Amino acid sequence: MTKPTERSITRRRSDLKLLMGTTLGVLMAGGVIAVGLYVSLDKGDQVTCGQLRVGMVSDIRKTLETDGPSLRSGGNDCGFLLALEGNDIVAYRLEVPGRTCLLQPRGNELHCGNEAVDPNQLQRYPTSIESTDGIDAVVVDLRPVSTTPRDRWIAADSYGNDFLHVLGTPRLPHHV
């Protein structure tokens, strides 16, 4: 058996250093990629939604009168349910307070699981009507608001009349 020479020992050390450095570099690059993916795909605790024009008042009203309440998406986690309440076009939040299920339309009724839900118990997104070039459009404001009992939501009927609605109390005229 031959004894390793000084040159072969130095070469092995150099090879080991190169191999360890390369391994460490690959692991660091993988870590950077993993952190980048996590940051880019992480939605955080709350998605911020904005105002959404959902369509012409006449088309929305006709669809709701014919087909009943309909689920709509504002993108991301910004879904809502459009429905008619009297002459008002309203946008209900999909989360039902105090329950773990989501709001679902069944004909003209709203359900959470297998139970019917009273629309008066639901939280709403503010809705309004905006006119552009003589065309009235329904706008739903999906931006987050506080959920204290004193929350205020603005709802608009199909004729463009705004009302101030304080949860748990009757609607009162809204004066700007």
Protein backbone atom coordinates (compact mmCIF):
# COMPACT_ATOMS: atom_id res chain seq x y z
CA MET A 1 0.00 0.00 0.00
CA THR A 2 1.34 3.40 -0.96
CA LYS A 3 1.43 6.29 1.37
CA PRO A 4 -0.52 9.41 0.22
CA THR A 5 1.68 12.18 -0.94
CA GLU A 6 1.51 15.75 0.28
CA ARG A 7 0.11 16.81 -3.10
CA SER A 8 -2.75 14.26 -3.04
CA ILE A 9 -3.69 15.32 0.53
CA THR A 10 -3.78 18.98 -0.55
CA ARG A 11 -5.83 18.04 -3.59
CA ARG A 12 -8.38 16.14 -1.46
CA ARG A 13 -8.69 19.08 0.92
CA SER A 14 -9.20 21.40 -2.03
CA ASP A 15 -11.82 19.06 -3.51
CA LEU A 16 -13.62 18.83 -0.14
CA LYS A 17 -13.65 22.62 0.22
CA LEU A 18 -15.01 22.99 -3.30
CA LEU A 19 -17.66 20.32 -2.69
CA MET A 20 -18.70 21.88 0.65
CA GLY A 21 -18.78 25.37 -0.86
CA THR A 22 -20.89 24.20 -3.79
CA THR A 23 -23.30 22.34 -1.47
CA LEU A 24 -23.62 25.39 0.77
CA GLY A 25 -24.25 27.61 -2.29
CA VAL A 26 -26.98 25.29 -3.60
CA LEU A 27 -28.66 25.16 -0.18
CA MET A 28 -28.54 28.96 0.13
CA ALA A 29 -29.99 29.40 -3.38
CA GLY A 30 -32.79 26.93 -2.52
CA GLY A 31 -33.50 28.89 0.67
CA VAL A 32 -33.71 32.17 -1.24
CA ILE A 33 -36.09 30.59 -3.77
CA ALA A 34 -38.24 29.08 -0.97
CA VAL A 35 -38.47 32.43 0.85
CA GLY A 36 -39.32 34.19 -2.42
CA LEU A 37 -42.12 31.72 -3.17
CA TYR A 38 -43.49 32.01 0.36
CA VAL A 39 -43.53 35.80 0.24
CA SER A 40 -45.10 35.94 -3.24
CA LEU A 41 -47.79 33.34 -2.49
CA ASP A 42 -48.60 34.44 1.07
CA LYS A 43 -51.94 36.26 1.18
CA GLY A 44 -51.39 37.51 4.69
CA ASP A 45 -54.14 37.62 7.26
CA GLN A 46 -56.48 39.76 5.20
CA VAL A 47 -56.89 40.42 1.51
CA THR A 48 -57.66 44.03 0.73
CA CYS A 49 -60.54 44.33 -1.68
CA GLY A 50 -61.67 47.50 -3.43
CA GLN A 51 -64.73 48.93 -5.09
CA LEU A 52 -66.20 46.78 -7.84
CA ARG A 53 -68.57 47.79 -10.64
CA VAL A 54 -70.74 44.70 -11.06
CA GLY A 55 -72.87 45.78 -14.02
CA MET A 56 -75.74 47.92 -15.23
CA VAL A 57 -78.55 48.40 -12.73
CA SER A 58 -81.22 47.24 -15.19
CA ASP A 59 -79.31 44.03 -16.04
CA ILE A 60 -78.53 43.23 -12.40
CA ARG A 61 -82.15 43.87 -11.34
CA LYS A 62 -83.54 41.71 -14.16
CA THR A 63 -81.18 38.84 -13.32
CA LEU A 64 -82.00 39.00 -9.60
CA GLU A 65 -85.75 39.16 -10.27
CA THR A 66 -85.56 36.19 -12.65
CA ASP A 67 -82.92 33.96 -11.05
CA GLY A 68 -82.87 35.10 -7.42
CA PRO A 69 -79.72 35.88 -5.41
CA SER A 70 -76.40 35.24 -7.14
CA LEU A 71 -72.85 34.68 -5.97
CA ARG A 72 -70.26 37.09 -7.34
CA SER A 73 -66.50 37.21 -7.14
CA GLY A 74 -64.47 40.31 -6.56
CA GLY A 75 -61.27 38.28 -7.07
CA ASN A 76 -59.06 36.72 -4.37
CA ASP A 77 -61.17 36.23 -1.24
CA CYS A 78 -63.56 39.05 -2.11
CA GLY A 79 -66.73 37.13 -2.93
CA PHE A 80 -70.23 38.36 -2.09
CA LEU A 81 -73.86 37.57 -2.80
CA LEU A 82 -76.09 40.02 -4.69
CA ALA A 83 -79.80 39.98 -3.85
CA LEU A 84 -82.93 42.11 -3.92
CA GLU A 85 -84.38 43.37 -0.67
CA GLY A 86 -87.59 45.16 -1.59
CA ASN A 87 -86.44 47.61 -4.28
CA ASP A 88 -82.86 47.63 -3.01
CA ILE A 89 -79.96 45.79 -4.60
CA VAL A 90 -77.87 44.57 -1.67
CA ALA A 91 -74.52 42.79 -1.40
CA TYR A 92 -74.26 40.33 1.47
CA ARG A 93 -70.98 39.15 2.94
CA LEU A 94 -70.54 35.39 2.47
CA GLU A 95 -69.49 34.84 6.09
CA VAL A 96 -72.48 34.26 8.36
CA PRO A 97 -71.90 35.76 11.85
CA GLY A 98 -71.55 33.10 14.54
CA ARG A 99 -71.37 30.19 12.08
CA THR A 100 -68.58 28.36 10.27
CA CYS A 101 -70.43 27.92 6.97
CA LEU A 102 -70.68 30.26 3.98
CA LEU A 103 -73.84 31.86 2.64
CA GLN A 104 -75.39 30.02 -0.33
CA PRO A 105 -78.44 30.96 -2.43
CA ARG A 106 -81.16 28.34 -2.91
CA GLY A 107 -83.88 29.77 -5.10
CA ASN A 108 -84.98 32.99 -3.40
CA GLU A 109 -83.77 31.84 0.04
CA LEU A 110 -80.34 32.16 1.63
CA HIS A 111 -78.87 29.16 3.44
CA CYS A 112 -75.94 28.40 5.70
CA GLY A 113 -75.45 24.66 5.45
CA ASN A 114 -78.96 23.19 5.55
CA GLU A 115 -80.50 26.04 7.56
CA ALA A 116 -82.29 29.07 6.12
CA VAL A 117 -80.74 32.39 7.16
CA ASP A 118 -82.64 35.57 7.96
CA PRO A 119 -81.17 38.31 5.71
CA ASN A 120 -81.58 40.83 8.55
CA GLN A 121 -78.85 38.97 10.46
CA LEU A 122 -76.31 39.26 7.65
CA GLN A 123 -73.58 41.82 7.22
CA ARG A 124 -73.61 43.78 3.99
CA TYR A 125 -71.12 45.52 1.80
CA PRO A 126 -72.03 49.09 0.94
CA THR A 127 -73.63 49.36 -2.50
CA SER A 128 -74.25 52.44 -4.59
CA ILE A 129 -75.24 53.45 -8.08
CA GLU A 130 -72.86 55.48 -10.22
CA SER A 131 -73.81 57.07 -13.53
CA THR A 132 -71.28 57.29 -16.33
CA ASP A 133 -72.36 58.67 -19.71
CA GLY A 134 -76.02 58.14 -18.80
CA ILE A 135 -75.52 54.50 -17.78
CA ASP A 136 -76.31 53.54 -14.18
CA ALA A 137 -74.00 50.90 -12.73
CA VAL A 138 -74.13 49.03 -9.42
CA VAL A 139 -70.94 49.49 -7.38
CA VAL A 140 -70.11 47.26 -4.40
CA ASP A 141 -67.54 48.55 -1.91
CA LEU A 142 -65.58 45.49 -0.78
CA ARG A 143 -63.05 47.40 1.28
CA PRO A 144 -62.72 46.20 4.87
CA VAL A 145 -64.68 48.00 7.57
CA SER A 146 -64.82 47.52 11.31
CA THR A 147 -67.42 45.08 12.57
CA THR A 148 -68.64 46.83 15.71
CA PRO A 149 -72.42 47.09 16.28
CA ARG A 150 -72.27 50.74 15.22
CA ASP A 151 -71.11 49.89 11.68
CA ARG A 152 -72.82 51.85 8.98
CA TRP A 153 -73.50 50.57 5.49
CA ILE A 154 -74.84 52.59 2.60
CA ALA A 155 -77.32 50.83 0.34
CA ALA A 156 -78.91 52.19 -2.79
CA ASP A 157 -82.18 51.26 -4.41
CA SER A 158 -82.47 50.85 -8.16
CA TYR A 159 -83.57 54.46 -8.58
CA GLY A 160 -80.31 55.82 -7.18
CA ASN A 161 -81.72 56.82 -3.77
CA ASP A 162 -79.09 56.34 -1.07
CA PHE A 163 -80.05 55.21 2.42
CA LEU A 164 -78.00 55.00 5.58
CA HIS A 165 -78.39 51.65 7.27
CA VAL A 166 -77.17 51.15 10.82
CA LEU A 167 -77.06 47.45 11.65
CA GLY A 168 -79.91 46.51 13.96
CA THR A 169 -81.92 49.69 13.35
CA PRO A 170 -84.35 50.78 10.63
CA ARG A 171 -83.07 52.58 7.57
CA LEU A 172 -82.98 56.34 7.74
CA PRO A 173 -82.52 58.83 4.89
CA HIS A 174 -78.87 59.62 4.27
CA HIS A 175 -77.95 63.28 3.98
CA VAL A 176 -74.53 64.13 2.57
